Amino acid sequence: MGMSYTQYWKNSTIHDLPGGPLTNFGTGIANDIRVMDGDVMVVGEATRDTSYFDSQESACYWINGELHYLVDQNDVPDGLEDWYWSSAKGIFIE
């Protein structure tokens, strides 16, 4: 089984982005990348918890290599199921 790790190429060099905890899925994947005013912005999904076989992937973004989830776990109402299943697919900059 293959694993996914978030990376991008710049000037013929591969750069690793920090993902979530390592699971059987990997740590995350990148779906889109943009550079604006020198900042590298990447969107995709990353694992959320440390359960190797049951961790869920959630939409996230990286700015200059720093991982941020789109939904803060503390903001989710109690009883809302499957809130973590999501993926960010693209970046739009005006």
N, C-alpha and C. Protein backbone atom coordinates (compact mmCIF):
# COMPACT_ATOMS: atom_id res chain seq x y z
N MET A 1 0.85 -1.17 0.00
CA MET A 1 0.00 0.00 0.00
C MET A 1 0.90 1.23 0.00
N GLY A 2 0.60 2.19 -0.88
CA GLY A 2 1.39 3.42 -0.94
C GLY A 2 0.89 4.43 0.06
N MET A 3 1.75 5.35 0.40
CA MET A 3 1.40 6.42 1.31
C MET A 3 1.57 7.75 0.60
N SER A 4 0.83 8.76 1.03
CA SER A 4 0.90 10.09 0.44
C SER A 4 1.58 11.05 1.40
N TYR A 5 2.45 11.88 0.85
CA TYR A 5 3.14 12.91 1.61
C TYR A 5 3.07 14.21 0.82
N THR A 6 2.88 15.31 1.49
CA THR A 6 2.71 16.58 0.80
C THR A 6 4.07 17.17 0.44
N GLN A 7 4.23 17.42 -0.87
CA GLN A 7 5.48 17.97 -1.38
C GLN A 7 5.19 18.87 -2.57
N TYR A 8 6.14 19.74 -2.88
CA TYR A 8 6.07 20.52 -4.11
C TYR A 8 7.50 20.74 -4.62
N TRP A 9 7.61 21.06 -5.90
CA TRP A 9 8.90 21.31 -6.54
C TRP A 9 9.07 22.80 -6.76
N LYS A 10 10.29 23.29 -6.50
CA LYS A 10 10.63 24.69 -6.79
C LYS A 10 12.09 24.72 -7.22
N ASN A 11 12.34 25.26 -8.39
CA ASN A 11 13.71 25.38 -8.91
C ASN A 11 14.44 24.04 -8.88
N SER A 12 13.78 23.00 -9.37
CA SER A 12 14.34 21.64 -9.47
C SER A 12 14.65 21.00 -8.12
N THR A 13 14.05 21.52 -7.07
CA THR A 13 14.25 20.97 -5.72
C THR A 13 12.90 20.60 -5.13
N ILE A 14 12.81 19.41 -4.55
CA ILE A 14 11.56 19.00 -3.90
C ILE A 14 11.54 19.53 -2.47
N HIS A 15 10.38 20.05 -2.07
CA HIS A 15 10.20 20.59 -0.72
C HIS A 15 9.09 19.80 -0.04
N ASP A 16 9.36 19.30 1.15
CA ASP A 16 8.38 18.58 1.96
C ASP A 16 7.59 19.58 2.79
N LEU A 17 6.27 19.36 2.85
CA LEU A 17 5.42 20.15 3.73
C LEU A 17 5.01 19.28 4.90
N PRO A 18 4.91 19.86 6.09
CA PRO A 18 4.49 19.05 7.23
C PRO A 18 3.04 18.62 7.04
N GLY A 19 2.78 17.35 7.25
CA GLY A 19 1.42 16.83 7.17
C GLY A 19 0.90 16.59 8.56
N GLY A 20 -0.19 15.87 8.62
CA GLY A 20 -0.73 15.48 9.90
C GLY A 20 0.04 14.27 10.43
N PRO A 21 -0.48 13.62 11.46
CA PRO A 21 0.18 12.43 12.02
C PRO A 21 0.30 11.32 10.96
N LEU A 22 1.36 10.54 11.03
CA LEU A 22 1.58 9.44 10.10
C LEU A 22 0.55 8.34 10.32
N THR A 23 -0.13 7.94 9.23
CA THR A 23 -1.12 6.87 9.28
C THR A 23 -0.88 5.95 8.09
N ASN A 24 -1.74 4.95 7.91
CA ASN A 24 -1.62 4.09 6.75
C ASN A 24 -1.93 4.85 5.46
N PHE A 25 -2.54 6.01 5.54
CA PHE A 25 -2.80 6.89 4.40
C PHE A 25 -1.55 7.67 4.03
N GLY A 26 -0.72 7.97 4.99
CA GLY A 26 0.44 8.84 4.83
C GLY A 26 0.27 10.01 5.78
N THR A 27 0.53 11.23 5.30
CA THR A 27 0.35 12.41 6.14
C THR A 27 -0.51 13.47 5.48
N GLY A 28 -0.65 13.41 4.16
CA GLY A 28 -1.48 14.38 3.46
C GLY A 28 -1.19 14.42 1.98
N ILE A 29 -1.96 15.24 1.26
CA ILE A 29 -1.73 15.44 -0.16
C ILE A 29 -1.97 16.89 -0.52
N ALA A 30 -1.27 17.36 -1.54
CA ALA A 30 -1.46 18.71 -2.06
C ALA A 30 -2.29 18.64 -3.32
N ASN A 31 -3.24 19.56 -3.48
CA ASN A 31 -4.08 19.59 -4.67
C ASN A 31 -3.85 20.82 -5.55
N ASP A 32 -3.34 21.91 -5.00
CA ASP A 32 -3.12 23.12 -5.78
C ASP A 32 -2.06 23.96 -5.09
N ILE A 33 -1.38 24.79 -5.87
CA ILE A 33 -0.33 25.66 -5.32
C ILE A 33 -0.35 26.99 -6.07
N ARG A 34 -0.10 28.06 -5.34
CA ARG A 34 0.01 29.40 -5.91
C ARG A 34 1.09 30.15 -5.15
N VAL A 35 1.71 31.10 -5.83
CA VAL A 35 2.67 31.98 -5.20
C VAL A 35 2.16 33.40 -5.37
N MET A 36 2.08 34.14 -4.26
CA MET A 36 1.62 35.53 -4.31
C MET A 36 2.47 36.36 -3.36
N ASP A 37 3.04 37.40 -3.90
CA ASP A 37 3.89 38.30 -3.11
C ASP A 37 4.98 37.54 -2.37
N GLY A 38 5.50 36.48 -3.00
CA GLY A 38 6.58 35.70 -2.40
C GLY A 38 6.13 34.63 -1.43
N ASP A 39 4.84 34.58 -1.12
CA ASP A 39 4.31 33.55 -0.22
C ASP A 39 3.86 32.34 -1.03
N VAL A 40 4.25 31.13 -0.59
CA VAL A 40 3.84 29.89 -1.23
C VAL A 40 2.61 29.37 -0.51
N MET A 41 1.49 29.25 -1.26
CA MET A 41 0.24 28.77 -0.69
C MET A 41 -0.14 27.46 -1.36
N VAL A 42 -0.43 26.45 -0.55
CA VAL A 42 -0.78 25.11 -1.03
C VAL A 42 -2.07 24.70 -0.32
N VAL A 43 -2.97 24.03 -1.05
CA VAL A 43 -4.19 23.48 -0.43
C VAL A 43 -4.26 21.99 -0.69
N GLY A 44 -4.95 21.29 0.20
CA GLY A 44 -5.11 19.85 0.04
C GLY A 44 -5.82 19.25 1.23
N GLU A 45 -5.26 18.17 1.74
CA GLU A 45 -5.83 17.51 2.92
C GLU A 45 -4.70 16.89 3.73
N ALA A 46 -4.93 16.80 5.04
CA ALA A 46 -3.94 16.20 5.94
C ALA A 46 -4.67 15.38 6.99
N THR A 47 -3.98 14.37 7.51
CA THR A 47 -4.57 13.54 8.56
C THR A 47 -4.76 14.38 9.82
N ARG A 48 -5.70 13.94 10.68
CA ARG A 48 -6.04 14.75 11.85
C ARG A 48 -5.64 14.14 13.18
N ASP A 49 -5.61 12.82 13.28
CA ASP A 49 -5.31 12.24 14.60
C ASP A 49 -4.27 11.14 14.46
N THR A 50 -3.87 10.58 15.57
CA THR A 50 -2.75 9.63 15.59
C THR A 50 -3.15 8.18 15.42
N SER A 51 -4.43 7.89 15.19
CA SER A 51 -4.85 6.51 14.98
C SER A 51 -4.34 6.05 13.62
N TYR A 52 -3.42 5.11 13.59
CA TYR A 52 -2.75 4.71 12.36
C TYR A 52 -3.72 4.22 11.29
N PHE A 53 -4.74 3.45 11.67
CA PHE A 53 -5.66 2.88 10.69
C PHE A 53 -6.98 3.65 10.57
N ASP A 54 -7.33 4.49 11.55
CA ASP A 54 -8.63 5.15 11.53
C ASP A 54 -8.58 6.66 11.44
N SER A 55 -7.41 7.25 11.20
CA SER A 55 -7.33 8.70 11.11
C SER A 55 -8.09 9.20 9.89
N GLN A 56 -8.71 10.33 10.02
CA GLN A 56 -9.47 10.94 8.93
C GLN A 56 -8.65 12.07 8.30
N GLU A 57 -8.92 12.36 7.03
CA GLU A 57 -8.23 13.44 6.36
C GLU A 57 -9.17 14.64 6.28
N SER A 58 -8.62 15.84 6.45
CA SER A 58 -9.43 17.06 6.45
C SER A 58 -8.78 18.12 5.57
N ALA A 59 -9.63 18.99 5.03
CA ALA A 59 -9.17 20.10 4.21
C ALA A 59 -8.21 20.98 5.01
N CYS A 60 -7.15 21.39 4.33
CA CYS A 60 -6.16 22.22 4.99
C CYS A 60 -5.44 23.08 3.97
N TYR A 61 -4.62 23.98 4.47
CA TYR A 61 -3.76 24.79 3.61
C TYR A 61 -2.44 25.00 4.31
N TRP A 62 -1.44 25.27 3.52
CA TRP A 62 -0.11 25.60 4.02
C TRP A 62 0.25 26.98 3.49
N ILE A 63 0.76 27.83 4.33
CA ILE A 63 1.33 29.11 3.90
C ILE A 63 2.79 29.09 4.33
N ASN A 64 3.66 29.15 3.33
CA ASN A 64 5.10 29.11 3.57
C ASN A 64 5.48 27.93 4.46
N GLY A 65 4.84 26.79 4.21
CA GLY A 65 5.20 25.56 4.90
C GLY A 65 4.52 25.31 6.22
N GLU A 66 3.67 26.22 6.68
CA GLU A 66 2.98 26.04 7.96
C GLU A 66 1.58 25.50 7.71
N LEU A 67 1.26 24.36 8.34
CA LEU A 67 -0.01 23.67 8.16
C LEU A 67 -1.12 24.32 8.98
N HIS A 68 -2.29 24.51 8.31
CA HIS A 68 -3.50 25.03 8.95
C HIS A 68 -4.68 24.21 8.45
N TYR A 69 -5.51 23.70 9.35
CA TYR A 69 -6.74 23.02 8.96
C TYR A 69 -7.83 24.07 8.72
N LEU A 70 -8.71 23.83 7.74
CA LEU A 70 -9.77 24.79 7.45
C LEU A 70 -10.82 24.84 8.55
N VAL A 71 -11.05 23.72 9.23
CA VAL A 71 -12.02 23.67 10.33
C VAL A 71 -11.27 23.35 11.61
N ASP A 72 -11.44 24.21 12.61
CA ASP A 72 -10.85 23.97 13.92
C ASP A 72 -11.75 23.00 14.67
N GLN A 73 -11.18 21.91 15.14
CA GLN A 73 -11.94 20.87 15.81
C GLN A 73 -12.75 21.44 16.98
N ASN A 74 -12.26 22.47 17.64
CA ASN A 74 -12.95 23.05 18.79
C ASN A 74 -14.18 23.86 18.39
N ASP A 75 -14.33 24.18 17.09
CA ASP A 75 -15.47 24.95 16.61
C ASP A 75 -16.63 24.07 16.14
N VAL A 76 -16.46 22.75 16.16
CA VAL A 76 -17.48 21.83 15.65
C VAL A 76 -18.49 21.53 16.76
N PRO A 77 -19.80 21.71 16.46
CA PRO A 77 -20.82 21.42 17.48
C PRO A 77 -20.80 19.94 17.88
N ASP A 78 -21.09 19.68 19.13
CA ASP A 78 -21.18 18.30 19.62
C ASP A 78 -22.25 17.55 18.83
N GLY A 79 -21.96 16.30 18.51
CA GLY A 79 -22.92 15.45 17.83
C GLY A 79 -22.88 15.53 16.31
N LEU A 80 -22.10 16.44 15.75
CA LEU A 80 -22.00 16.55 14.29
C LEU A 80 -21.02 15.49 13.80
N GLU A 81 -21.55 14.52 13.07
CA GLU A 81 -20.72 13.40 12.62
C GLU A 81 -20.07 13.69 11.27
N ASP A 82 -18.95 13.05 11.03
CA ASP A 82 -18.21 13.12 9.76
C ASP A 82 -17.81 14.53 9.36
N TRP A 83 -17.68 15.46 10.30
CA TRP A 83 -17.31 16.83 9.99
C TRP A 83 -15.89 16.93 9.42
N TYR A 84 -15.05 15.96 9.73
CA TYR A 84 -13.64 16.02 9.37
C TYR A 84 -13.37 15.62 7.92
N TRP A 85 -14.27 14.89 7.25
CA TRP A 85 -14.04 14.43 5.88
C TRP A 85 -14.18 15.61 4.93
N SER A 86 -13.06 16.10 4.43
CA SER A 86 -13.11 17.21 3.48
C SER A 86 -11.76 17.31 2.76
N SER A 87 -11.77 18.07 1.68
CA SER A 87 -10.55 18.28 0.91
C SER A 87 -10.62 19.63 0.22
N ALA A 88 -9.56 20.38 0.27
CA ALA A 88 -9.47 21.65 -0.46
C ALA A 88 -8.85 21.34 -1.82
N LYS A 89 -9.54 21.73 -2.89
CA LYS A 89 -9.11 21.35 -4.25
C LYS A 89 -8.42 22.47 -5.02
N GLY A 90 -8.65 23.73 -4.68
CA GLY A 90 -8.04 24.78 -5.48
C GLY A 90 -7.93 26.10 -4.74
N ILE A 91 -7.10 26.98 -5.27
CA ILE A 91 -6.87 28.31 -4.70
C ILE A 91 -7.29 29.33 -5.75
N PHE A 92 -8.06 30.31 -5.34
CA PHE A 92 -8.42 31.42 -6.22
C PHE A 92 -7.92 32.70 -5.57
N ILE A 93 -7.11 33.44 -6.31
CA ILE A 93 -6.58 34.71 -5.80
C ILE A 93 -6.99 35.79 -6.77
N GLU A 94 -7.63 36.83 -6.25
CA GLU A 94 -8.06 37.93 -7.10
C GLU A 94 -7.00 38.99 -7.15
